[in-house]
Amino acid sequence: MLKKEAEVYQAQGEYYDPVATTAAYLELRDRDKAFLWLNKAHDAHGLLFIKARREFDGVRNDPRYSDLLRRMGLPL
């Protein structure tokens, strides 16, 4: 459902916050979709404050999180 909502917003040319979508998928405990949107968030605007945002606490031990930090040039 969240993906469908994002597609509708994008089709209408409206902004859809990928960080909010990431947080929603994390709440649903769907890490795969959360990382899909986390990467979209990185592509869209660089994920400022990624290491400080509490909504990402649940994935900090995931290797994909470390990989994303490396790609961003941030220390682990």
PDB file of N, CA and C in Angstrom:
ATOM      1  N   MET A   1       0.812  -1.192   0.000  1.00  0.00           N
ATOM      2  CA  MET A   1       0.000   0.000   0.000  1.00  0.00           C
ATOM      3  C   MET A   1       0.861   1.263   0.000  1.00  0.00           C
ATOM      4  N   LEU A   2       1.916   1.267   0.794  1.00  0.00           N
ATOM      5  CA  LEU A   2       2.784   2.443   0.823  1.00  0.00           C
ATOM      6  C   LEU A   2       3.428   2.687  -0.534  1.00  0.00           C
ATOM      7  N   LYS A   3       3.847   1.604  -1.178  1.00  0.00           N
ATOM      8  CA  LYS A   3       4.462   1.747  -2.500  1.00  0.00           C
ATOM      9  C   LYS A   3       3.464   2.359  -3.473  1.00  0.00           C
ATOM     10  N   LYS A   4       2.238   1.903  -3.430  1.00  0.00           N
ATOM     11  CA  LYS A   4       1.207   2.429  -4.328  1.00  0.00           C
ATOM     12  C   LYS A   4       0.990   3.917  -4.075  1.00  0.00           C
ATOM     13  N   GLU A   5       0.951   4.324  -2.807  1.00  0.00           N
ATOM     14  CA  GLU A   5       0.793   5.737  -2.483  1.00  0.00           C
ATOM     15  C   GLU A   5       1.962   6.558  -3.028  1.00  0.00           C
ATOM     16  N   ALA A   6       3.160   6.047  -2.910  1.00  0.00           N
ATOM     17  CA  ALA A   6       4.335   6.752  -3.420  1.00  0.00           C
ATOM     18  C   ALA A   6       4.257   6.902  -4.930  1.00  0.00           C
ATOM     19  N   GLU A   7       3.822   5.845  -5.620  1.00  0.00           N
ATOM     20  CA  GLU A   7       3.709   5.913  -7.075  1.00  0.00           C
ATOM     21  C   GLU A   7       2.677   6.949  -7.500  1.00  0.00           C
ATOM     22  N   VAL A   8       1.578   7.041  -6.771  1.00  0.00           N
ATOM     23  CA  VAL A   8       0.550   8.027  -7.090  1.00  0.00           C
ATOM     24  C   VAL A   8       1.101   9.436  -6.917  1.00  0.00           C
ATOM     25  N   TYR A   9       1.784   9.696  -5.819  1.00  0.00           N
ATOM     26  CA  TYR A   9       2.364  11.018  -5.595  1.00  0.00           C
ATOM     27  C   TYR A   9       3.359  11.367  -6.689  1.00  0.00           C
ATOM     28  N   GLN A  10       4.213  10.419  -7.044  1.00  0.00           N
ATOM     29  CA  GLN A  10       5.225  10.681  -8.070  1.00  0.00           C
ATOM     30  C   GLN A  10       4.579  10.906  -9.423  1.00  0.00           C
ATOM     31  N   ALA A  11       3.538  10.156  -9.744  1.00  0.00           N
ATOM     32  CA  ALA A  11       2.852  10.311 -11.029  1.00  0.00           C
ATOM     33  C   ALA A  11       2.198  11.684 -11.127  1.00  0.00           C
ATOM     34  N   GLN A  12       1.771  12.216 -10.011  1.00  0.00           N
ATOM     35  CA  GLN A  12       1.137  13.530 -10.000  1.00  0.00           C
ATOM     36  C   GLN A  12       2.164  14.659  -9.907  1.00  0.00           C
ATOM     37  N   GLY A  13       3.438  14.282  -9.854  1.00  0.00           N
ATOM     38  CA  GLY A  13       4.491  15.289  -9.767  1.00  0.00           C
ATOM     39  C   GLY A  13       4.635  15.897  -8.383  1.00  0.00           C
ATOM     40  N   GLU A  14       4.037  15.269  -7.392  1.00  0.00           N
ATOM     41  CA  GLU A  14       4.128  15.774  -6.033  1.00  0.00           C
ATOM     42  C   GLU A  14       5.313  15.125  -5.325  1.00  0.00           C
ATOM     43  N   TYR A  15       5.801  15.788  -4.308  1.00  0.00           N
ATOM     44  CA  TYR A  15       6.918  15.262  -3.541  1.00  0.00           C
ATOM     45  C   TYR A  15       6.427  14.199  -2.568  1.00  0.00           C
ATOM     46  N   TYR A  16       7.122  13.097  -2.511  1.00  0.00           N
ATOM     47  CA  TYR A  16       6.821  12.035  -1.560  1.00  0.00           C
ATOM     48  C   TYR A  16       8.088  11.769  -0.780  1.00  0.00           C
ATOM     49  N   ASP A  17       8.042  11.939   0.513  1.00  0.00           N
ATOM     50  CA  ASP A  17       9.232  11.853   1.362  1.00  0.00           C
ATOM     51  C   ASP A  17       9.693  10.405   1.532  1.00  0.00           C
ATOM     52  N   PRO A  18      10.824  10.046   0.921  1.00  0.00           N
ATOM     53  CA  PRO A  18      11.304   8.673   1.051  1.00  0.00           C
ATOM     54  C   PRO A  18      11.747   8.331   2.469  1.00  0.00           C
ATOM     55  N   VAL A  19      12.148   9.316   3.268  1.00  0.00           N
ATOM     56  CA  VAL A  19      12.530   9.039   4.652  1.00  0.00           C
ATOM     57  C   VAL A  19      11.301   8.626   5.459  1.00  0.00           C
ATOM     58  N   ALA A  20      10.195   9.299   5.242  1.00  0.00           N
ATOM     59  CA  ALA A  20       8.960   8.940   5.940  1.00  0.00           C
ATOM     60  C   ALA A  20       8.497   7.542   5.519  1.00  0.00           C
ATOM     61  N   THR A  21       8.659   7.218   4.255  1.00  0.00           N
ATOM     62  CA  THR A  21       8.284   5.893   3.779  1.00  0.00           C
ATOM     63  C   THR A  21       9.196   4.839   4.398  1.00  0.00           C
ATOM     64  N   THR A  22      10.485   5.136   4.485  1.00  0.00           N
ATOM     65  CA  THR A  22      11.430   4.237   5.144  1.00  0.00           C
ATOM     66  C   THR A  22      10.997   3.981   6.577  1.00  0.00           C
ATOM     67  N   ALA A  23      10.702   5.055   7.294  1.00  0.00           N
ATOM     68  CA  ALA A  23      10.286   4.922   8.691  1.00  0.00           C
ATOM     69  C   ALA A  23       9.019   4.086   8.816  1.00  0.00           C
ATOM     70  N   ALA A  24       8.086   4.259   7.891  1.00  0.00           N
ATOM     71  CA  ALA A  24       6.848   3.483   7.928  1.00  0.00           C
ATOM     72  C   ALA A  24       7.133   1.998   7.736  1.00  0.00           C
ATOM     73  N   TYR A  25       7.991   1.663   6.778  1.00  0.00           N
ATOM     74  CA  TYR A  25       8.322   0.259   6.566  1.00  0.00           C
ATOM     75  C   TYR A  25       9.087  -0.321   7.755  1.00  0.00           C
ATOM     76  N   LEU A  26       9.901   0.482   8.411  1.00  0.00           N
ATOM     77  CA  LEU A  26      10.580  -0.002   9.610  1.00  0.00           C
ATOM     78  C   LEU A  26       9.580  -0.290  10.722  1.00  0.00           C
ATOM     79  N   GLU A  27       8.565   0.540  10.838  1.00  0.00           N
ATOM     80  CA  GLU A  27       7.506   0.294  11.817  1.00  0.00           C
ATOM     81  C   GLU A  27       6.783  -1.024  11.518  1.00  0.00           C
ATOM     82  N   LEU A  28       6.643  -1.333  10.228  1.00  0.00           N
ATOM     83  CA  LEU A  28       6.003  -2.582   9.811  1.00  0.00           C
ATOM     84  C   LEU A  28       6.960  -3.777   9.864  1.00  0.00           C
ATOM     85  N   ARG A  29       8.214  -3.506  10.240  1.00  0.00           N
ATOM     86  CA  ARG A  29       9.273  -4.520  10.330  1.00  0.00           C
ATOM     87  C   ARG A  29       9.580  -5.175   8.974  1.00  0.00           C
ATOM     88  N   ASP A  30       9.475  -4.378   7.917  1.00  0.00           N
ATOM     89  CA  ASP A  30       9.804  -4.855   6.577  1.00  0.00           C
ATOM     90  C   ASP A  30      11.132  -4.210   6.172  1.00  0.00           C
ATOM     91  N   ARG A  31      12.219  -4.850   6.580  1.00  0.00           N
ATOM     92  CA  ARG A  31      13.551  -4.278   6.350  1.00  0.00           C
ATOM     93  C   ARG A  31      13.905  -4.164   4.867  1.00  0.00           C
ATOM     94  N   ASP A  32      13.501  -5.133   4.064  1.00  0.00           N
ATOM     95  CA  ASP A  32      13.849  -5.090   2.644  1.00  0.00           C
ATOM     96  C   ASP A  32      13.264  -3.845   1.972  1.00  0.00           C
ATOM     97  N   LYS A  33      11.995  -3.580   2.202  1.00  0.00           N
ATOM     98  CA  LYS A  33      11.376  -2.397   1.608  1.00  0.00           C
ATOM     99  C   LYS A  33      11.909  -1.124   2.258  1.00  0.00           C
ATOM    100  N   ALA A  34      12.213  -1.207   3.534  1.00  0.00           N
ATOM    101  CA  ALA A  34      12.787  -0.040   4.215  1.00  0.00           C
ATOM    102  C   ALA A  34      14.119   0.344   3.571  1.00  0.00           C
ATOM    103  N   PHE A  35      14.956  -0.634   3.286  1.00  0.00           N
ATOM    104  CA  PHE A  35      16.247  -0.318   2.666  1.00  0.00           C
ATOM    105  C   PHE A  35      16.092   0.147   1.222  1.00  0.00           C
ATOM    106  N   LEU A  36      15.092  -0.377   0.534  1.00  0.00           N
ATOM    107  CA  LEU A  36      14.814   0.129  -0.809  1.00  0.00           C
ATOM    108  C   LEU A  36      14.557   1.637  -0.735  1.00  0.00           C
ATOM    109  N   TRP A  37      13.701   2.052   0.216  1.00  0.00           N
ATOM    110  CA  TRP A  37      13.362   3.470   0.350  1.00  0.00           C
ATOM    111  C   TRP A  37      14.479   4.274   1.001  1.00  0.00           C
ATOM    112  N   LEU A  38      15.270   3.638   1.838  1.00  0.00           N
ATOM    113  CA  LEU A  38      16.409   4.334   2.426  1.00  0.00           C
ATOM    114  C   LEU A  38      17.401   4.721   1.336  1.00  0.00           C
ATOM    115  N   ASN A  39      17.597   3.818   0.393  1.00  0.00           N
ATOM    116  CA  ASN A  39      18.475   4.134  -0.737  1.00  0.00           C
ATOM    117  C   ASN A  39      17.876   5.216  -1.631  1.00  0.00           C
ATOM    118  N   LYS A  40      16.559   5.194  -1.811  1.00  0.00           N
ATOM    119  CA  LYS A  40      15.914   6.258  -2.581  1.00  0.00           C
ATOM    120  C   LYS A  40      16.080   7.596  -1.864  1.00  0.00           C
ATOM    121  N   ALA A  41      15.987   7.566  -0.548  1.00  0.00           N
ATOM    122  CA  ALA A  41      16.169   8.793   0.231  1.00  0.00           C
ATOM    123  C   ALA A  41      17.587   9.319   0.055  1.00  0.00           C
ATOM    124  N   HIS A  42      18.548   8.416   0.068  1.00  0.00           N
ATOM    125  CA  HIS A  42      19.942   8.820  -0.146  1.00  0.00           C
ATOM    126  C   HIS A  42      20.116   9.432  -1.533  1.00  0.00           C
ATOM    127  N   ASP A  43      19.548   8.813  -2.532  1.00  0.00           N
ATOM    128  CA  ASP A  43      19.640   9.335  -3.898  1.00  0.00           C
ATOM    129  C   ASP A  43      18.955  10.694  -4.032  1.00  0.00           C
ATOM    130  N   ALA A  44      17.870  10.878  -3.303  1.00  0.00           N
ATOM    131  CA  ALA A  44      17.082  12.107  -3.419  1.00  0.00           C
ATOM    132  C   ALA A  44      17.736  13.301  -2.739  1.00  0.00           C
ATOM    133  N   HIS A  45      18.233  13.114  -1.539  1.00  0.00           N
ATOM    134  CA  HIS A  45      18.760  14.283  -0.830  1.00  0.00           C
ATOM    135  C   HIS A  45      19.861  13.990   0.174  1.00  0.00           C
ATOM    136  N   GLY A  46      20.474  12.850   0.103  1.00  0.00           N
ATOM    137  CA  GLY A  46      21.673  12.612   0.880  1.00  0.00           C
ATOM    138  C   GLY A  46      21.507  12.166   2.318  1.00  0.00           C
ATOM    139  N   LEU A  47      20.293  12.044   2.813  1.00  0.00           N
ATOM    140  CA  LEU A  47      20.058  11.536   4.160  1.00  0.00           C
ATOM    141  C   LEU A  47      20.837  12.272   5.243  1.00  0.00           C
ATOM    142  N   LEU A  48      20.606  13.534   5.351  1.00  0.00           N
ATOM    143  CA  LEU A  48      21.243  14.301   6.412  1.00  0.00           C
ATOM    144  C   LEU A  48      20.850  13.730   7.766  1.00  0.00           C
ATOM    145  N   PHE A  49      21.778  13.685   8.655  1.00  0.00           N
ATOM    146  CA  PHE A  49      21.550  13.249  10.036  1.00  0.00           C
ATOM    147  C   PHE A  49      21.163  11.781  10.169  1.00  0.00           C
ATOM    148  N   ILE A  50      21.549  10.943   9.197  1.00  0.00           N
ATOM    149  CA  ILE A  50      21.172   9.526   9.237  1.00  0.00           C
ATOM    150  C   ILE A  50      21.638   8.853  10.523  1.00  0.00           C
ATOM    151  N   LYS A  51      22.804   9.243  11.011  1.00  0.00           N
ATOM    152  CA  LYS A  51      23.330   8.585  12.204  1.00  0.00           C
ATOM    153  C   LYS A  51      22.641   9.061  13.480  1.00  0.00           C
ATOM    154  N   ALA A  52      21.928  10.154  13.424  1.00  0.00           N
ATOM    155  CA  ALA A  52      21.284  10.702  14.613  1.00  0.00           C
ATOM    156  C   ALA A  52      19.785  10.405  14.671  1.00  0.00           C
ATOM    157  N   ARG A  53      19.205  10.009  13.573  1.00  0.00           N
ATOM    158  CA  ARG A  53      17.748   9.815  13.522  1.00  0.00           C
ATOM    159  C   ARG A  53      17.361   8.506  14.207  1.00  0.00           C
ATOM    160  N   ARG A  54      16.473   8.610  15.170  1.00  0.00           N
ATOM    161  CA  ARG A  54      16.061   7.452  15.964  1.00  0.00           C
ATOM    162  C   ARG A  54      15.300   6.407  15.157  1.00  0.00           C
ATOM    163  N   GLU A  55      14.613   6.816  14.115  1.00  0.00           N
ATOM    164  CA  GLU A  55      13.827   5.845  13.362  1.00  0.00           C
ATOM    165  C   GLU A  55      14.687   4.799  12.662  1.00  0.00           C
ATOM    166  N   PHE A  56      15.998   5.044  12.579  1.00  0.00           N
ATOM    167  CA  PHE A  56      16.890   4.088  11.952  1.00  0.00           C
ATOM    168  C   PHE A  56      17.601   3.192  12.967  1.00  0.00           C
ATOM    169  N   ASP A  57      17.296   3.347  14.245  1.00  0.00           N
ATOM    170  CA  ASP A  57      17.953   2.548  15.285  1.00  0.00           C
ATOM    171  C   ASP A  57      17.801   1.049  15.042  1.00  0.00           C
ATOM    172  N   GLY A  58      16.669   0.618  14.549  1.00  0.00           N
ATOM    173  CA  GLY A  58      16.406  -0.796  14.358  1.00  0.00           C
ATOM    174  C   GLY A  58      17.180  -1.460  13.234  1.00  0.00           C
ATOM    175  N   VAL A  59      17.865  -0.678  12.415  1.00  0.00           N
ATOM    176  CA  VAL A  59      18.605  -1.275  11.294  1.00  0.00           C
ATOM    177  C   VAL A  59      20.102  -0.999  11.358  1.00  0.00           C
ATOM    178  N   ARG A  60      20.540  -0.393  12.410  1.00  0.00           N
ATOM    179  CA  ARG A  60      21.963  -0.046  12.491  1.00  0.00           C
ATOM    180  C   ARG A  60      22.866  -1.280  12.501  1.00  0.00           C
ATOM    181  N   ASN A  61      22.352  -2.424  12.923  1.00  0.00           N
ATOM    182  CA  ASN A  61      23.155  -3.650  12.924  1.00  0.00           C
ATOM    183  C   ASN A  61      23.072  -4.418  11.606  1.00  0.00           C
ATOM    184  N   ASP A  62      22.306  -3.917  10.656  1.00  0.00           N
ATOM    185  CA  ASP A  62      22.162  -4.567   9.348  1.00  0.00           C
ATOM    186  C   ASP A  62      23.349  -4.184   8.466  1.00  0.00           C
ATOM    187  N   PRO A  63      23.969  -5.139   7.791  1.00  0.00           N
ATOM    188  CA  PRO A  63      25.109  -4.834   6.918  1.00  0.00           C
ATOM    189  C   PRO A  63      24.780  -3.806   5.827  1.00  0.00           C
ATOM    190  N   ARG A  64      23.524  -3.743   5.402  1.00  0.00           N
ATOM    191  CA  ARG A  64      23.139  -2.767   4.373  1.00  0.00           C
ATOM    192  C   ARG A  64      23.239  -1.340   4.901  1.00  0.00           C
ATOM    193  N   TYR A  65      23.032  -1.167   6.196  1.00  0.00           N
ATOM    194  CA  TYR A  65      23.176   0.154   6.809  1.00  0.00           C
ATOM    195  C   TYR A  65      24.643   0.583   6.779  1.00  0.00           C
ATOM    196  N   SER A  66      25.534  -0.330   7.158  1.00  0.00           N
ATOM    197  CA  SER A  66      26.974  -0.039   7.110  1.00  0.00           C
ATOM    198  C   SER A  66      27.427   0.266   5.695  1.00  0.00           C
ATOM    199  N   ASP A  67      26.902  -0.499   4.740  1.00  0.00           N
ATOM    200  CA  ASP A  67      27.234  -0.263   3.339  1.00  0.00           C
ATOM    201  C   ASP A  67      26.785   1.127   2.899  1.00  0.00           C
ATOM    202  N   LEU A  68      25.589   1.523   3.311  1.00  0.00           N
ATOM    203  CA  LEU A  68      25.083   2.847   2.953  1.00  0.00           C
ATOM    204  C   LEU A  68      25.961   3.939   3.561  1.00  0.00           C
ATOM    205  N   LEU A  69      26.370   3.765   4.813  1.00  0.00           N
ATOM    206  CA  LEU A  69      27.255   4.758   5.442  1.00  0.00           C
ATOM    207  C   LEU A  69      28.571   4.867   4.677  1.00  0.00           C
ATOM    208  N   ARG A  70      29.115   3.727   4.272  1.00  0.00           N
ATOM    209  CA  ARG A  70      30.368   3.742   3.498  1.00  0.00           C
ATOM    210  C   ARG A  70      30.183   4.499   2.181  1.00  0.00           C
ATOM    211  N   ARG A  71      29.070   4.233   1.496  1.00  0.00           N
ATOM    212  CA  ARG A  71      28.811   4.923   0.231  1.00  0.00           C
ATOM    213  C   ARG A  71      28.642   6.422   0.422  1.00  0.00           C
ATOM    214  N   MET A  72      28.163   6.809   1.589  1.00  0.00           N
ATOM    215  CA  MET A  72      27.983   8.218   1.897  1.00  0.00           C
ATOM    216  C   MET A  72      29.278   8.872   2.375  1.00  0.00           C
ATOM    217  N   GLY A  73      30.292   8.047   2.628  1.00  0.00           N
ATOM    218  CA  GLY A  73      31.557   8.574   3.114  1.00  0.00           C
ATOM    219  C   GLY A  73      31.535   8.905   4.602  1.00  0.00           C
ATOM    220  N   LEU A  74      30.635   8.252   5.339  1.00  0.00           N
ATOM    221  CA  LEU A  74      30.516   8.494   6.780  1.00  0.00           C
ATOM    222  C   LEU A  74      31.219   7.388   7.552  1.00  0.00           C
ATOM    223  N   PRO A  75      31.742   7.717   8.720  1.00  0.00           N
ATOM    224  CA  PRO A  75      32.374   6.669   9.546  1.00  0.00           C
ATOM    225  C   PRO A  75      31.325   5.706  10.081  1.00  0.00           C
ATOM    226  N   LEU A  76      31.766   4.466  10.282  1.00  0.00           N
ATOM    227  CA  LEU A  76      30.862   3.465  10.837  1.00  0.00           C
ATOM    228  C   LEU A  76      30.821   3.650  12.303  1.00  0.00           C
TER     229      LEU A  76
END
